């Protein structure tokens, strides 16, 4: 049970940190680049699966 609460705490802390970072221009740029990279990766996987 302690591992569950530790994992839950980690998720909550991660969301709080991401929210705080997203309030800054540098944080928004970071998340924008991350989304673009993830989108490129998923499109590549999708195209490879379809072919």
N, C-alpha and C. Protein backbone atom coordinates (compact mmCIF):
# COMPACT_ATOMS: atom_id res chain seq x y z
N UNK A 1 0.81 -1.20 0.00
CA UNK A 1 0.00 0.00 0.00
C UNK A 1 0.86 1.26 0.00
N UNK A 2 2.02 1.18 0.65
CA UNK A 2 2.90 2.34 0.70
C UNK A 2 3.43 2.69 -0.69
N UNK A 3 3.68 1.67 -1.51
CA UNK A 3 4.16 1.94 -2.87
C UNK A 3 3.09 2.65 -3.70
N UNK A 4 1.84 2.26 -3.49
CA UNK A 4 0.75 2.92 -4.21
C UNK A 4 0.69 4.40 -3.87
N UNK A 5 0.77 4.72 -2.57
CA UNK A 5 0.72 6.13 -2.17
C UNK A 5 1.95 6.90 -2.65
N UNK A 6 3.10 6.25 -2.68
CA UNK A 6 4.31 6.90 -3.19
C UNK A 6 4.15 7.20 -4.68
N UNK A 7 3.60 6.25 -5.43
CA UNK A 7 3.38 6.46 -6.86
C UNK A 7 2.34 7.56 -7.08
N UNK A 8 1.28 7.54 -6.29
CA UNK A 8 0.25 8.56 -6.41
C UNK A 8 0.81 9.94 -6.08
N UNK A 9 1.62 10.02 -5.05
CA UNK A 9 2.26 11.28 -4.70
C UNK A 9 3.16 11.77 -5.82
N UNK A 10 3.90 10.86 -6.45
CA UNK A 10 4.76 11.23 -7.56
C UNK A 10 3.98 11.79 -8.74
N UNK A 11 2.84 11.18 -9.03
CA UNK A 11 1.99 11.66 -10.12
C UNK A 11 1.45 13.05 -9.80
N UNK A 12 0.98 13.24 -8.60
CA UNK A 12 0.42 14.54 -8.20
C UNK A 12 1.50 15.62 -8.24
N UNK A 13 2.67 15.33 -7.70
CA UNK A 13 3.77 16.29 -7.71
C UNK A 13 4.18 16.61 -9.15
N UNK A 14 4.20 15.59 -10.01
CA UNK A 14 4.54 15.81 -11.41
C UNK A 14 3.55 16.74 -12.10
N UNK A 15 2.26 16.55 -11.84
CA UNK A 15 1.25 17.44 -12.43
C UNK A 15 1.40 18.87 -11.92
N UNK A 16 1.68 19.01 -10.64
CA UNK A 16 1.85 20.36 -10.07
C UNK A 16 3.06 21.05 -10.69
N UNK A 17 4.16 20.33 -10.81
CA UNK A 17 5.36 20.92 -11.41
C UNK A 17 5.11 21.29 -12.87
N UNK A 18 4.43 20.40 -13.61
CA UNK A 18 4.13 20.69 -15.01
C UNK A 18 3.23 21.93 -15.12
N UNK A 19 2.28 22.06 -14.21
CA UNK A 19 1.40 23.23 -14.24
C UNK A 19 2.19 24.51 -13.99
N UNK A 20 3.07 24.48 -13.01
CA UNK A 20 3.88 25.66 -12.69
C UNK A 20 4.80 26.01 -13.87
N UNK A 21 5.42 25.00 -14.46
CA UNK A 21 6.30 25.25 -15.61
C UNK A 21 5.54 25.81 -16.80
N UNK A 22 4.31 25.36 -16.98
CA UNK A 22 3.51 25.81 -18.12
C UNK A 22 3.10 27.28 -17.99
N UNK A 23 3.27 27.85 -16.82
CA UNK A 23 2.95 29.26 -16.61
C UNK A 23 4.04 30.18 -17.15
N UNK A 24 5.23 29.66 -17.44
CA UNK A 24 6.33 30.48 -17.93
C UNK A 24 6.45 30.34 -19.44
N UNK A 25 6.97 31.35 -20.10
CA UNK A 25 7.16 31.25 -21.56
C UNK A 25 8.10 30.10 -21.94
N UNK A 26 9.15 29.90 -21.15
CA UNK A 26 10.08 28.81 -21.44
C UNK A 26 9.41 27.46 -21.27
N UNK A 27 8.57 27.35 -20.26
CA UNK A 27 7.83 26.11 -20.03
C UNK A 27 6.86 25.81 -21.16
N UNK A 28 6.16 26.84 -21.62
CA UNK A 28 5.23 26.65 -22.75
C UNK A 28 5.99 26.22 -24.00
N UNK A 29 7.15 26.81 -24.23
CA UNK A 29 7.96 26.42 -25.40
C UNK A 29 8.43 24.97 -25.26
N UNK A 30 8.83 24.58 -24.05
CA UNK A 30 9.26 23.20 -23.82
C UNK A 30 8.13 22.22 -24.12
N UNK A 31 6.94 22.49 -23.59
CA UNK A 31 5.83 21.58 -23.80
C UNK A 31 5.38 21.58 -25.26
N UNK A 32 5.51 22.71 -25.93
CA UNK A 32 5.17 22.77 -27.36
C UNK A 32 6.12 21.90 -28.17
N UNK A 33 7.43 21.98 -27.87
CA UNK A 33 8.40 21.13 -28.56
C UNK A 33 8.17 19.66 -28.24
N UNK A 34 7.82 19.38 -26.99
CA UNK A 34 7.56 17.99 -26.59
C UNK A 34 6.36 17.43 -27.34
N UNK A 35 5.29 18.21 -27.45
CA UNK A 35 4.11 17.75 -28.19
C UNK A 35 4.43 17.52 -29.65
N UNK A 36 5.22 18.41 -30.25
CA UNK A 36 5.59 18.25 -31.66
C UNK A 36 6.43 17.00 -31.86
N UNK A 37 7.35 16.74 -30.96
CA UNK A 37 8.19 15.54 -31.06
C UNK A 37 7.35 14.29 -30.91
N UNK A 38 6.44 14.29 -29.94
CA UNK A 38 5.58 13.13 -29.73
C UNK A 38 4.66 12.91 -30.93
N UNK A 39 4.15 13.99 -31.51
CA UNK A 39 3.28 13.89 -32.68
C UNK A 39 4.06 13.29 -33.86
N UNK A 40 5.29 13.75 -34.07
CA UNK A 40 6.12 13.21 -35.14
C UNK A 40 6.38 11.72 -34.93
N UNK A 41 6.68 11.33 -33.71
CA UNK A 41 6.94 9.93 -33.39
C UNK A 41 5.70 9.07 -33.64
N UNK A 42 4.55 9.52 -33.14
CA UNK A 42 3.34 8.71 -33.31
C UNK A 42 2.92 8.62 -34.78
N UNK A 43 3.13 9.68 -35.54
CA UNK A 43 2.83 9.61 -36.97
C UNK A 43 3.75 8.61 -37.65
N UNK A 44 5.01 8.57 -37.27
CA UNK A 44 5.94 7.60 -37.85
C UNK A 44 5.55 6.18 -37.51
N UNK A 45 5.15 5.93 -36.28
CA UNK A 45 4.71 4.59 -35.88
C UNK A 45 3.44 4.23 -36.64
N UNK A 46 2.51 5.15 -36.74
CA UNK A 46 1.25 4.90 -37.45
C UNK A 46 1.51 4.58 -38.92
N UNK A 47 2.38 5.36 -39.57
CA UNK A 47 2.70 5.11 -40.98
C UNK A 47 3.38 3.77 -41.17
N UNK A 48 4.28 3.42 -40.25
CA UNK A 48 4.97 2.13 -40.35
C UNK A 48 3.99 0.98 -40.16
N UNK A 49 3.03 1.14 -39.26
CA UNK A 49 2.05 0.09 -39.02
C UNK A 49 1.15 -0.10 -40.24
N UNK A 50 0.77 0.99 -40.88
CA UNK A 50 -0.13 0.92 -42.04
C UNK A 50 0.54 0.34 -43.28
N UNK A 51 1.85 0.47 -43.38
CA UNK A 51 2.53 -0.01 -44.59
C UNK A 51 3.00 -1.44 -44.46
